[in-house]
């Protein structure tokens, strides 16, 4: 149980360091793509394509994270958390936040 909680806390801490990049991309997609199309009434079937666009930004986020803190993985390695586990956690958390933001924006505008 303690190992599992340590991994969850490590993923949360890692996401906190990546959040400016991921949340910035989410804000750009929602404000510059989804919102104008909702106002024009042409947003039918757009959410899966936006989710695909969000997934395509993953390599850019990875690159920016590596450039910002190149030696960041040693801390997580010492906690017993692999890079794969960290990035999977980031993808899940960011995906849920993206779906929540797009759903909330769609509900508020409609």
Protein backbone atom coordinates (compact mmCIF):
# COMPACT_ATOMS: atom_id res chain seq x y z
CA UNK A 1 0.00 0.00 0.00
CA UNK A 2 2.81 2.42 0.84
CA UNK A 3 4.58 1.75 -2.46
CA UNK A 4 1.34 2.42 -4.36
CA UNK A 5 0.78 5.71 -2.52
CA UNK A 6 4.38 6.73 -3.16
CA UNK A 7 3.89 6.10 -6.87
CA UNK A 8 0.67 8.15 -6.92
CA UNK A 9 2.33 11.02 -5.12
CA UNK A 10 5.32 10.85 -7.48
CA UNK A 11 3.04 10.99 -10.53
CA UNK A 12 1.22 13.97 -9.01
CA UNK A 13 4.50 15.75 -8.35
CA UNK A 14 5.73 14.97 -11.85
CA UNK A 15 2.48 16.21 -13.39
CA UNK A 16 2.80 19.42 -11.43
CA UNK A 17 6.12 20.08 -13.17
CA UNK A 18 4.63 19.27 -16.61
CA UNK A 19 1.29 21.04 -16.05
CA UNK A 20 2.24 24.45 -17.48
CA UNK A 21 2.91 22.84 -20.86
CA UNK A 22 -0.07 20.49 -20.93
CA UNK A 23 -2.59 22.92 -19.52
CA UNK A 24 -1.36 25.63 -21.87
CA UNK A 25 -1.99 23.40 -24.86
CA UNK A 26 -5.41 22.48 -23.49
CA UNK A 27 -6.29 26.15 -23.05
CA UNK A 28 -5.17 26.95 -26.59
CA UNK A 29 -7.25 24.12 -28.08
CA UNK A 30 -10.34 25.02 -26.09
CA UNK A 31 -10.16 28.80 -26.48
CA UNK A 32 -8.86 29.07 -30.05
CA UNK A 33 -10.49 26.06 -31.69
CA UNK A 34 -13.47 24.75 -29.74
CA UNK A 35 -15.00 28.02 -28.55
CA UNK A 36 -15.16 29.76 -31.97
CA UNK A 37 -16.59 26.64 -33.60
CA UNK A 38 -19.20 26.34 -30.86
CA UNK A 39 -20.28 29.92 -31.47
CA UNK A 40 -20.55 29.25 -35.20
CA UNK A 41 -22.49 26.02 -34.61
CA UNK A 42 -19.97 23.82 -36.44
CA UNK A 43 -18.62 21.83 -33.49
CA UNK A 44 -20.58 18.63 -34.16
CA UNK A 45 -18.17 15.68 -34.02
CA UNK A 46 -15.22 17.87 -33.15
CA UNK A 47 -14.33 16.44 -29.73
CA UNK A 48 -12.68 13.22 -31.01
CA UNK A 49 -10.58 15.24 -33.46
CA UNK A 50 -9.57 17.65 -30.70
CA UNK A 51 -8.58 14.71 -28.50
CA UNK A 52 -6.44 13.40 -31.36
CA UNK A 53 -4.80 16.80 -31.74
CA UNK A 54 -4.14 16.83 -28.00
CA UNK A 55 -2.47 13.41 -28.23
CA UNK A 56 -0.28 14.63 -31.07
CA UNK A 57 1.14 17.33 -28.78
CA UNK A 58 2.64 14.67 -26.49
CA UNK A 59 6.09 14.68 -28.13
CA UNK A 60 6.27 18.47 -27.86
CA UNK A 61 5.44 18.31 -24.15
CA UNK A 62 8.03 15.58 -23.65
CA UNK A 63 10.67 17.68 -25.46
CA UNK A 64 9.86 20.82 -23.45
CA UNK A 65 9.98 18.85 -20.19
CA UNK A 66 13.36 17.37 -21.08
CA UNK A 67 14.77 20.78 -21.98
CA UNK A 68 13.41 22.46 -18.85
CA UNK A 69 14.70 19.86 -16.38
CA UNK A 70 17.11 17.41 -18.01
CA UNK A 71 18.02 15.45 -14.86
CA UNK A 72 14.53 15.24 -13.35
CA UNK A 73 14.16 11.45 -13.53
CA UNK A 74 16.78 10.63 -10.91
CA UNK A 75 14.46 11.66 -8.09
CA UNK A 76 11.67 9.42 -9.38
CA UNK A 77 14.09 6.58 -10.11
CA UNK A 78 15.15 6.64 -6.45
CA UNK A 79 11.47 6.38 -5.49
CA UNK A 80 11.13 3.30 -7.69
CA UNK A 81 8.95 4.93 -10.36
CA UNK A 82 9.85 4.46 -14.01
CA UNK A 83 9.59 7.03 -16.79
CA UNK A 84 6.91 4.95 -18.42
CA UNK A 85 4.80 5.03 -15.27
CA UNK A 86 5.27 8.78 -14.93
CA UNK A 87 4.29 9.57 -18.51
CA UNK A 88 1.34 7.17 -18.40
CA UNK A 89 0.10 8.98 -15.32
CA UNK A 90 0.55 12.34 -17.06
CA UNK A 91 -1.42 11.08 -20.07
CA UNK A 92 -4.29 9.86 -17.89
CA UNK A 93 -4.48 12.98 -15.72
CA UNK A 94 -4.13 15.33 -18.66
CA UNK A 95 -6.66 13.39 -20.72
CA UNK A 96 -9.22 13.58 -17.93
CA UNK A 97 -8.62 17.31 -17.51
CA UNK A 98 -8.93 17.84 -21.26
CA UNK A 99 -12.19 15.91 -21.50
CA UNK A 100 -13.51 17.81 -18.49
CA UNK A 101 -12.55 21.18 -19.99
CA UNK A 102 -14.09 20.44 -23.37
CA UNK A 103 -17.26 19.02 -21.85
CA UNK A 104 -17.64 21.98 -19.51
CA UNK A 105 -17.04 24.47 -22.34
CA UNK A 106 -19.57 22.69 -24.55
CA UNK A 107 -22.15 22.63 -21.74
CA UNK A 108 -21.63 26.29 -20.87
CA UNK A 109 -21.88 27.56 -24.43
CA UNK A 110 -24.79 25.34 -25.53
